[in-house]
PDB file of N, CA and C in Angstrom:
ATOM      1  N   MET A   1      13.536  -0.081  -4.380  1.00  0.00           N
ATOM      2  CA  MET A   1      12.467   0.802  -4.838  1.00  0.00           C
ATOM      3  C   MET A   1      12.218   0.572  -6.326  1.00  0.00           C
ATOM      4  N   ALA A   2      11.114   1.051  -6.872  1.00  0.00           N
ATOM      5  CA  ALA A   2      10.691   0.772  -8.242  1.00  0.00           C
ATOM      6  C   ALA A   2      11.726   1.192  -9.283  1.00  0.00           C
ATOM      7  N   GLU A   3      12.411   2.322  -9.096  1.00  0.00           N
ATOM      8  CA  GLU A   3      13.344   2.790 -10.112  1.00  0.00           C
ATOM      9  C   GLU A   3      14.578   1.899 -10.245  1.00  0.00           C
ATOM     10  N   ASN A   4      14.864   1.085  -9.239  1.00  0.00           N
ATOM     11  CA  ASN A   4      16.032   0.208  -9.284  1.00  0.00           C
ATOM     12  C   ASN A   4      15.854  -0.957 -10.233  1.00  0.00           C
ATOM     13  N   ILE A   5      14.623  -1.417 -10.459  1.00  0.00           N
ATOM     14  CA  ILE A   5      14.407  -2.570 -11.320  1.00  0.00           C
ATOM     15  C   ILE A   5      13.740  -2.199 -12.638  1.00  0.00           C
ATOM     16  N   GLY A   6      13.607  -0.922 -12.923  1.00  0.00           N
ATOM     17  CA  GLY A   6      13.082  -0.464 -14.195  1.00  0.00           C
ATOM     18  C   GLY A   6      11.570  -0.423 -14.303  1.00  0.00           C
ATOM     19  N   ILE A   7      10.846  -0.716 -13.235  1.00  0.00           N
ATOM     20  CA  ILE A   7       9.389  -0.664 -13.254  1.00  0.00           C
ATOM     21  C   ILE A   7       8.941   0.683 -12.707  1.00  0.00           C
ATOM     22  N   LYS A   8       8.099   1.361 -13.473  1.00  0.00           N
ATOM     23  CA  LYS A   8       7.592   2.659 -13.028  1.00  0.00           C
ATOM     24  C   LYS A   8       6.149   2.512 -12.583  1.00  0.00           C
ATOM     25  N   ARG A   9       5.783   3.219 -11.531  1.00  0.00           N
ATOM     26  CA  ARG A   9       4.396   3.165 -11.064  1.00  0.00           C
ATOM     27  C   ARG A   9       3.538   4.071 -11.931  1.00  0.00           C
ATOM     28  N   LYS A  10       2.243   3.858 -11.863  1.00  0.00           N
ATOM     29  CA  LYS A  10       1.293   4.656 -12.616  1.00  0.00           C
ATOM     30  C   LYS A  10       1.253   6.076 -12.046  1.00  0.00           C
ATOM     31  N   SER A  11       1.271   7.052 -12.914  1.00  0.00           N
ATOM     32  CA  SER A  11       1.236   8.447 -12.480  1.00  0.00           C
ATOM     33  C   SER A  11      -0.193   8.891 -12.210  1.00  0.00           C
ATOM     34  N   GLY A  12      -0.330  10.067 -11.608  1.00  0.00           N
ATOM     35  CA  GLY A  12      -1.640  10.653 -11.376  1.00  0.00           C
ATOM     36  C   GLY A  12      -2.378  10.105 -10.173  1.00  0.00           C
ATOM     37  N   GLN A  13      -1.666   9.460  -9.265  1.00  0.00           N
ATOM     38  CA  GLN A  13      -2.317   8.907  -8.088  1.00  0.00           C
ATOM     39  C   GLN A  13      -2.564  10.000  -7.050  1.00  0.00           C
ATOM     40  N   VAL A  14      -3.722   9.904  -6.390  1.00  0.00           N
ATOM     41  CA  VAL A  14      -4.112  10.869  -5.370  1.00  0.00           C
ATOM     42  C   VAL A  14      -4.281  10.127  -4.053  1.00  0.00           C
ATOM     43  N   LYS A  15      -3.754  10.724  -2.984  1.00  0.00           N
ATOM     44  CA  LYS A  15      -3.896  10.149  -1.651  1.00  0.00           C
ATOM     45  C   LYS A  15      -4.340  11.261  -0.713  1.00  0.00           C
ATOM     46  N   ASP A  16      -5.458  11.043  -0.036  1.00  0.00           N
ATOM     47  CA  ASP A  16      -6.024  12.035   0.885  1.00  0.00           C
ATOM     48  C   ASP A  16      -6.239  13.388   0.204  1.00  0.00           C
ATOM     49  N   GLY A  17      -6.663  13.354  -1.070  1.00  0.00           N
ATOM     50  CA  GLY A  17      -6.970  14.576  -1.797  1.00  0.00           C
ATOM     51  C   GLY A  17      -5.763  15.328  -2.334  1.00  0.00           C
ATOM     52  N   LYS A  18      -4.563  14.748  -2.229  1.00  0.00           N
ATOM     53  CA  LYS A  18      -3.345  15.404  -2.711  1.00  0.00           C
ATOM     54  C   LYS A  18      -2.622  14.474  -3.678  1.00  0.00           C
ATOM     55  N   TRP A  19      -1.909  15.074  -4.645  1.00  0.00           N
ATOM     56  CA  TRP A  19      -1.122  14.266  -5.577  1.00  0.00           C
ATOM     57  C   TRP A  19      -0.057  13.511  -4.788  1.00  0.00           C
ATOM     58  N   LEU A  20      -0.008  12.186  -4.957  1.00  0.00           N
ATOM     59  CA  LEU A  20       0.933  11.340  -4.223  1.00  0.00           C
ATOM     60  C   LEU A  20       2.383  11.761  -4.470  1.00  0.00           C
ATOM     61  N   VAL A  21       2.715  12.041  -5.721  1.00  0.00           N
ATOM     62  CA  VAL A  21       4.100  12.397  -6.050  1.00  0.00           C
ATOM     63  C   VAL A  21       4.522  13.689  -5.348  1.00  0.00           C
ATOM     64  N   LEU A  22       3.591  14.614  -5.132  1.00  0.00           N
ATOM     65  CA  LEU A  22       3.945  15.866  -4.452  1.00  0.00           C
ATOM     66  C   LEU A  22       4.093  15.662  -2.952  1.00  0.00           C
ATOM     67  N   THR A  23       3.332  14.711  -2.386  1.00  0.00           N
ATOM     68  CA  THR A  23       3.480  14.437  -0.947  1.00  0.00           C
ATOM     69  C   THR A  23       4.821  13.769  -0.661  1.00  0.00           C
ATOM     70  N   GLU A  24       5.413  13.146  -1.664  1.00  0.00           N
ATOM     71  CA  GLU A  24       6.717  12.489  -1.517  1.00  0.00           C
ATOM     72  C   GLU A  24       7.869  13.420  -1.902  1.00  0.00           C
ATOM     73  N   SER A  25       7.566  14.668  -2.180  1.00  0.00           N
ATOM     74  CA  SER A  25       8.552  15.603  -2.712  1.00  0.00           C
ATOM     75  C   SER A  25       8.816  16.759  -1.761  1.00  0.00           C
ATOM     76  N   THR A  26       9.914  17.459  -2.059  1.00  0.00           N
ATOM     77  CA  THR A  26      10.222  18.680  -1.327  1.00  0.00           C
ATOM     78  C   THR A  26      10.048  19.848  -2.292  1.00  0.00           C
ATOM     79  N   GLY A  27       9.627  20.976  -1.772  1.00  0.00           N
ATOM     80  CA  GLY A  27       9.423  22.163  -2.589  1.00  0.00           C
ATOM     81  C   GLY A  27       8.142  22.848  -2.197  1.00  0.00           C
ATOM     82  N   GLU A  28       7.758  23.823  -3.019  1.00  0.00           N
ATOM     83  CA  GLU A  28       6.519  24.544  -2.735  1.00  0.00           C
ATOM     84  C   GLU A  28       5.910  25.057  -4.027  1.00  0.00           C
ATOM     85  N   PRO A  29       4.574  25.249  -4.035  1.00  0.00           N
ATOM     86  CA  PRO A  29       3.893  25.734  -5.235  1.00  0.00           C
ATOM     87  C   PRO A  29       4.478  27.064  -5.709  1.00  0.00           C
ATOM     88  N   GLY A  30       4.588  27.212  -7.018  1.00  0.00           N
ATOM     89  CA  GLY A  30       5.109  28.435  -7.608  1.00  0.00           C
ATOM     90  C   GLY A  30       6.625  28.481  -7.673  1.00  0.00           C
ATOM     91  N   VAL A  31       7.297  27.603  -6.947  1.00  0.00           N
ATOM     92  CA  VAL A  31       8.757  27.565  -6.941  1.00  0.00           C
ATOM     93  C   VAL A  31       9.247  26.315  -7.654  1.00  0.00           C
ATOM     94  N   GLY A  32       8.691  25.171  -7.296  1.00  0.00           N
ATOM     95  CA  GLY A  32       9.072  23.904  -7.912  1.00  0.00           C
ATOM     96  C   GLY A  32       9.213  22.802  -6.888  1.00  0.00           C
ATOM     97  N   PHE A  33       9.162  21.565  -7.373  1.00  0.00           N
ATOM     98  CA  PHE A  33       9.254  20.401  -6.510  1.00  0.00           C
ATOM     99  C   PHE A  33      10.322  19.443  -7.026  1.00  0.00           C
ATOM    100  N   ARG A  34      10.984  18.748  -6.098  1.00  0.00           N
ATOM    101  CA  ARG A  34      11.910  17.663  -6.426  1.00  0.00           C
ATOM    102  C   ARG A  34      11.421  16.430  -5.697  1.00  0.00           C
ATOM    103  N   HIS A  35      11.338  15.323  -6.433  1.00  0.00           N
ATOM    104  CA  HIS A  35      10.888  14.067  -5.847  1.00  0.00           C
ATOM    105  C   HIS A  35      11.975  13.522  -4.920  1.00  0.00           C
ATOM    106  N   SER A  36      11.600  12.568  -4.079  1.00  0.00           N
ATOM    107  CA  SER A  36      12.554  11.982  -3.130  1.00  0.00           C
ATOM    108  C   SER A  36      13.737  11.321  -3.828  1.00  0.00           C
ATOM    109  N   CYS A  37      13.599  10.958  -5.115  1.00  0.00           N
ATOM    110  CA  CYS A  37      14.708  10.361  -5.873  1.00  0.00           C
ATOM    111  C   CYS A  37      15.668  11.427  -6.400  1.00  0.00           C
ATOM    112  N   GLY A  38      15.288  12.716  -6.302  1.00  0.00           N
ATOM    113  CA  GLY A  38      16.140  13.809  -6.758  1.00  0.00           C
ATOM    114  C   GLY A  38      15.718  14.417  -8.084  1.00  0.00           C
ATOM    115  N   ALA A  39      14.788  13.775  -8.793  1.00  0.00           N
ATOM    116  CA  ALA A  39      14.347  14.285 -10.093  1.00  0.00           C
ATOM    117  C   ALA A  39      13.378  15.456  -9.921  1.00  0.00           C
ATOM    118  N   GLU A  40      13.433  16.384 -10.867  1.00  0.00           N
ATOM    119  CA  GLU A  40      12.499  17.508 -10.860  1.00  0.00           C
ATOM    120  C   GLU A  40      11.122  17.024 -11.305  1.00  0.00           C
ATOM    121  N   ILE A  41      10.089  17.426 -10.586  1.00  0.00           N
ATOM    122  CA  ILE A  41       8.722  17.030 -10.914  1.00  0.00           C
ATOM    123  C   ILE A  41       8.285  17.742 -12.189  1.00  0.00           C
ATOM    124  N   MET A  42       7.697  16.975 -13.096  1.00  0.00           N
ATOM    125  CA  MET A  42       7.192  17.499 -14.366  1.00  0.00           C
ATOM    126  C   MET A  42       5.664  17.478 -14.308  1.00  0.00           C
ATOM    127  N   ALA A  43       5.017  18.057 -15.329  1.00  0.00           N
ATOM    128  CA  ALA A  43       3.558  18.026 -15.420  1.00  0.00           C
ATOM    129  C   ALA A  43       3.161  17.741 -16.862  1.00  0.00           C
ATOM    130  N   GLN A  44       2.084  17.005 -17.024  1.00  0.00           N
ATOM    131  CA  GLN A  44       1.556  16.661 -18.345  1.00  0.00           C
ATOM    132  C   GLN A  44       0.085  17.057 -18.388  1.00  0.00           C
ATOM    133  N   GLN A  45      -0.336  17.710 -19.455  1.00  0.00           N
ATOM    134  CA  GLN A  45      -1.746  18.068 -19.588  1.00  0.00           C
ATOM    135  C   GLN A  45      -2.557  16.820 -19.940  1.00  0.00           C
ATOM    136  N   VAL A  46      -3.711  16.664 -19.281  1.00  0.00           N
ATOM    137  CA  VAL A  46      -4.601  15.535 -19.509  1.00  0.00           C
ATOM    138  C   VAL A  46      -5.986  16.077 -19.854  1.00  0.00           C
ATOM    139  N   ALA A  47      -6.586  15.530 -20.904  1.00  0.00           N
ATOM    140  CA  ALA A  47      -7.936  15.913 -21.324  1.00  0.00           C
ATOM    141  C   ALA A  47      -8.915  14.839 -20.860  1.00  0.00           C
ATOM    142  N   ARG A  48      -9.959  15.269 -20.159  1.00  0.00           N
ATOM    143  CA  ARG A  48     -10.978  14.338 -19.670  1.00  0.00           C
ATOM    144  C   ARG A  48     -12.308  14.685 -20.326  1.00  0.00           C
ATOM    145  N   PRO A  49     -12.848  13.779 -21.166  1.00  0.00           N
ATOM    146  CA  PRO A  49     -14.135  14.067 -21.804  1.00  0.00           C
ATOM    147  C   PRO A  49     -15.255  14.154 -20.775  1.00  0.00           C
ATOM    148  N   ILE A  50     -16.203  15.039 -21.032  1.00  0.00           N
ATOM    149  CA  ILE A  50     -17.347  15.216 -20.135  1.00  0.00           C
ATOM    150  C   ILE A  50     -18.552  14.515 -20.766  1.00  0.00           C
ATOM    151  N   TRP A  51     -18.993  13.453 -20.140  1.00  0.00           N
ATOM    152  CA  TRP A  51     -20.129  12.673 -20.629  1.00  0.00           C
ATOM    153  C   TRP A  51     -21.404  13.239 -20.007  1.00  0.00           C
ATOM    154  N   ASP A  52     -21.932  14.292 -20.619  1.00  0.00           N
ATOM    155  CA  ASP A  52     -23.126  14.955 -20.084  1.00  0.00           C
ATOM    156  C   ASP A  52     -24.332  14.807 -21.004  1.00  0.00           C
ATOM    157  N   GLY A  53     -24.281  13.842 -21.911  1.00  0.00           N
ATOM    158  CA  GLY A  53     -25.379  13.640 -22.852  1.00  0.00           C
ATOM    159  C   GLY A  53     -26.536  12.857 -22.257  1.00  0.00           C
ATOM    160  N   PRO A  54     -27.616  12.739 -23.016  1.00  0.00           N
ATOM    161  CA  PRO A  54     -28.812  12.060 -22.524  1.00  0.00           C
ATOM    162  C   PRO A  54     -28.684  10.534 -22.497  1.00  0.00           C
ATOM    163  N   PHE A  55     -27.672  10.000 -23.168  1.00  0.00           N
ATOM    164  CA  PHE A  55     -27.487   8.554 -23.238  1.00  0.00           C
ATOM    165  C   PHE A  55     -26.161   8.165 -22.593  1.00  0.00           C
ATOM    166  N   PRO A  56     -26.030   6.930 -22.132  1.00  0.00           N
ATOM    167  CA  PRO A  56     -24.752   6.488 -21.558  1.00  0.00           C
ATOM    168  C   PRO A  56     -23.604   6.678 -22.562  1.00  0.00           C
ATOM    169  N   LEU A  57     -22.476   7.142 -22.068  1.00  0.00           N
ATOM    170  CA  LEU A  57     -21.257   7.361 -22.859  1.00  0.00           C
ATOM    171  C   LEU A  57     -21.415   8.436 -23.929  1.00  0.00           C
ATOM    172  N   SER A  58     -22.387   9.331 -23.786  1.00  0.00           N
ATOM    173  CA  SER A  58     -22.570  10.403 -24.768  1.00  0.00           C
ATOM    174  C   SER A  58     -22.316  11.753 -24.105  1.00  0.00           C
ATOM    175  N   GLY A  59     -22.035  12.727 -24.936  1.00  0.00           N
ATOM    176  CA  GLY A  59     -21.783  14.057 -24.404  1.00  0.00           C
ATOM    177  C   GLY A  59     -21.766  15.105 -25.482  1.00  0.00           C
ATOM    178  N   SER A  60     -21.474  16.325 -25.072  1.00  0.00           N
ATOM    179  CA  SER A  60     -21.476  17.476 -25.964  1.00  0.00           C
ATOM    180  C   SER A  60     -20.158  17.645 -26.712  1.00  0.00           C
ATOM    181  N   GLY A  61     -19.156  16.846 -26.364  1.00  0.00           N
ATOM    182  CA  GLY A  61     -17.844  16.973 -27.000  1.00  0.00           C
ATOM    183  C   GLY A  61     -16.875  17.824 -26.201  1.00  0.00           C
ATOM    184  N   ARG A  62     -17.339  18.368 -25.069  1.00  0.00           N
ATOM    185  CA  ARG A  62     -16.464  19.201 -24.241  1.00  0.00           C
ATOM    186  C   ARG A  62     -15.492  18.326 -23.447  1.00  0.00           C
ATOM    187  N   CYS A  63     -14.381  18.917 -23.066  1.00  0.00           N
ATOM    188  CA  CYS A  63     -13.380  18.249 -22.238  1.00  0.00           C
ATOM    189  C   CYS A  63     -12.968  19.178 -21.097  1.00  0.00           C
ATOM    190  N   SER A  64     -12.521  18.566 -20.024  1.00  0.00           N
ATOM    191  CA  SER A  64     -11.932  19.300 -18.907  1.00  0.00           C
ATOM    192  C   SER A  64     -10.435  19.005 -18.957  1.00  0.00           C
ATOM    193  N   TYR A  65      -9.617  20.038 -18.827  1.00  0.00           N
ATOM    194  CA  TYR A  65      -8.171  19.865 -18.919  1.00  0.00           C
ATOM    195  C   TYR A  65      -7.529  20.134 -17.561  1.00  0.00           C
ATOM    196  N   GLU A  66      -6.543  19.322 -17.220  1.00  0.00           N
ATOM    197  CA  GLU A  66      -5.807  19.542 -15.978  1.00  0.00           C
ATOM    198  C   GLU A  66      -4.350  19.131 -16.166  1.00  0.00           C
ATOM    199  N   LYS A  67      -3.483  19.718 -15.370  1.00  0.00           N
ATOM    200  CA  LYS A  67      -2.065  19.365 -15.373  1.00  0.00           C
ATOM    201  C   LYS A  67      -1.840  18.317 -14.288  1.00  0.00           C
ATOM    202  N   VAL A  68      -1.247  17.198 -14.655  1.00  0.00           N
ATOM    203  CA  VAL A  68      -0.999  16.106 -13.723  1.00  0.00           C
ATOM    204  C   VAL A  68       0.503  16.031 -13.457  1.00  0.00           C
ATOM    205  N   PRO A  69       0.922  16.192 -12.194  1.00  0.00           N
ATOM    206  CA  PRO A  69       2.350  16.111 -11.872  1.00  0.00           C
ATOM    207  C   PRO A  69       2.828  14.663 -11.882  1.00  0.00           C
ATOM    208  N   TYR A  70       4.109  14.473 -12.260  1.00  0.00           N
ATOM    209  CA  TYR A  70       4.703  13.136 -12.234  1.00  0.00           C
ATOM    210  C   TYR A  70       6.221  13.239 -12.123  1.00  0.00           C
ATOM    211  N   CYS A  71       6.817  12.171 -11.628  1.00  0.00           N
ATOM    212  CA  CYS A  71       8.273  12.077 -11.554  1.00  0.00           C
ATOM    213  C   CYS A  71       8.748  11.324 -12.789  1.00  0.00           C
ATOM    214  N   PRO A  72       9.575  11.935 -13.643  1.00  0.00           N
ATOM    215  CA  PRO A  72      10.000  11.261 -14.875  1.00  0.00           C
ATOM    216  C   PRO A  72      10.864  10.018 -14.630  1.00  0.00           C
ATOM    217  N   GLN A  73      11.466   9.899 -13.446  1.00  0.00           N
ATOM    218  CA  GLN A  73      12.285   8.721 -13.147  1.00  0.00           C
ATOM    219  C   GLN A  73      11.476   7.578 -12.549  1.00  0.00           C
ATOM    220  N   CYS A  74      10.454   7.893 -11.752  1.00  0.00           N
ATOM    221  CA  CYS A  74       9.747   6.869 -10.982  1.00  0.00           C
ATOM    222  C   CYS A  74       8.351   6.537 -11.500  1.00  0.00           C
ATOM    223  N   GLU A  75       7.777   7.399 -12.330  1.00  0.00           N
ATOM    224  CA  GLU A  75       6.400   7.212 -12.774  1.00  0.00           C
ATOM    225  C   GLU A  75       6.289   7.263 -14.291  1.00  0.00           C
ATOM    226  N   GLU A  76       5.246   6.618 -14.799  1.00  0.00           N
ATOM    227  CA  GLU A  76       4.942   6.691 -16.226  1.00  0.00           C
ATOM    228  C   GLU A  76       4.457   8.100 -16.558  1.00  0.00           C
ATOM    229  N   ILE A  77       4.637   8.518 -17.806  1.00  0.00           N
ATOM    230  CA  ILE A  77       4.095   9.800 -18.247  1.00  0.00           C
ATOM    231  C   ILE A  77       2.577   9.663 -18.278  1.00  0.00           C
ATOM    232  N   PRO A  78       1.842  10.626 -17.704  1.00  0.00           N
ATOM    233  CA  PRO A  78       0.376  10.530 -17.710  1.00  0.00           C
ATOM    234  C   PRO A  78      -0.172  10.471 -19.134  1.00  0.00           C
ATOM    235  N   ASN A  79      -1.189   9.648 -19.329  1.00  0.00           N
ATOM    236  CA  ASN A  79      -1.844   9.510 -20.624  1.00  0.00           C
ATOM    237  C   ASN A  79      -2.668  10.771 -20.894  1.00  0.00           C
ATOM    238  N   TYR A  80      -2.510  11.345 -22.072  1.00  0.00           N
ATOM    239  CA  TYR A  80      -3.249  12.559 -22.427  1.00  0.00           C
ATOM    240  C   TYR A  80      -4.760  12.329 -22.377  1.00  0.00           C
ATOM    241  N   HIS A  81      -5.193  11.117 -22.714  1.00  0.00           N
ATOM    242  CA  HIS A  81      -6.614  10.784 -22.742  1.00  0.00           C
ATOM    243  C   HIS A  81      -7.032  10.299 -21.351  1.00  0.00           C
ATOM    244  N   GLY A  82      -7.523  11.214 -20.544  1.00  0.00           N
ATOM    245  CA  GLY A  82      -7.897  10.907 -19.171  1.00  0.00           C
ATOM    246  C   GLY A  82      -9.247  10.221 -19.050  1.00  0.00           C
ATOM    247  N   ALA A  83      -9.568   9.843 -17.831  1.00  0.00           N
ATOM    248  CA  ALA A  83     -10.833   9.183 -17.526  1.00  0.00           C
ATOM    249  C   ALA A  83     -11.995  10.153 -17.721  1.00  0.00           C
ATOM    250  N   PRO A  84     -13.104   9.665 -18.249  1.00  0.00           N
ATOM    251  CA  PRO A  84     -14.277  10.524 -18.469  1.00  0.00           C
ATOM    252  C   PRO A  84     -14.856  11.061 -17.160  1.00  0.00           C
ATOM    253  N   ILE A  85     -15.513  12.201 -17.274  1.00  0.00           N
ATOM    254  CA  ILE A  85     -16.220  12.815 -16.156  1.00  0.00           C
ATOM    255  C   ILE A  85     -17.713  12.644 -16.422  1.00  0.00           C
ATOM    256  N   THR A  86     -18.427  12.083 -15.459  1.00  0.00           N
ATOM    257  CA  THR A  86     -19.873  11.932 -15.575  1.00  0.00           C
ATOM    258  C   THR A  86     -20.526  12.828 -14.521  1.00  0.00           C
ATOM    259  N   PRO A  87     -21.092  13.971 -14.929  1.00  0.00           N
ATOM    260  CA  PRO A  87     -21.730  14.872 -13.966  1.00  0.00           C
ATOM    261  C   PRO A  87     -22.880  14.180 -13.253  1.00  0.00           C
ATOM    262  N   ARG A  88     -23.058  14.525 -11.991  1.00  0.00           N
ATOM    263  CA  ARG A  88     -24.174  13.982 -11.215  1.00  0.00           C
ATOM    264  C   ARG A  88     -25.450  14.710 -11.614  1.00  0.00           C
ATOM    265  N   SER A  89     -26.527  13.977 -11.658  1.00  0.00           N
ATOM    266  CA  SER A  89     -27.818  14.578 -12.031  1.00  0.00           C
ATOM    267  C   SER A  89     -28.516  15.153 -10.837  1.00  0.00           C
TER     268      SER A  89
END
């Protein structure tokens, strides 16, 4: 597995609308989760800029914030600077 050779997978992956790391874990919301490797699941806040301006890559300066779960042993820490959100017109 990835943790045996020192390579960590990218965090924040979603599968079928659910966080991948949580689908591989035991626990429940409000109580806590442990990943299949035994590590306690952590969360990192990620800011995603909202590109809602009249020009490509422009916006009002607002951001959307979310907590991204990750396994500190098996996954990289999520990058605080998340992917931009482009609202549909």
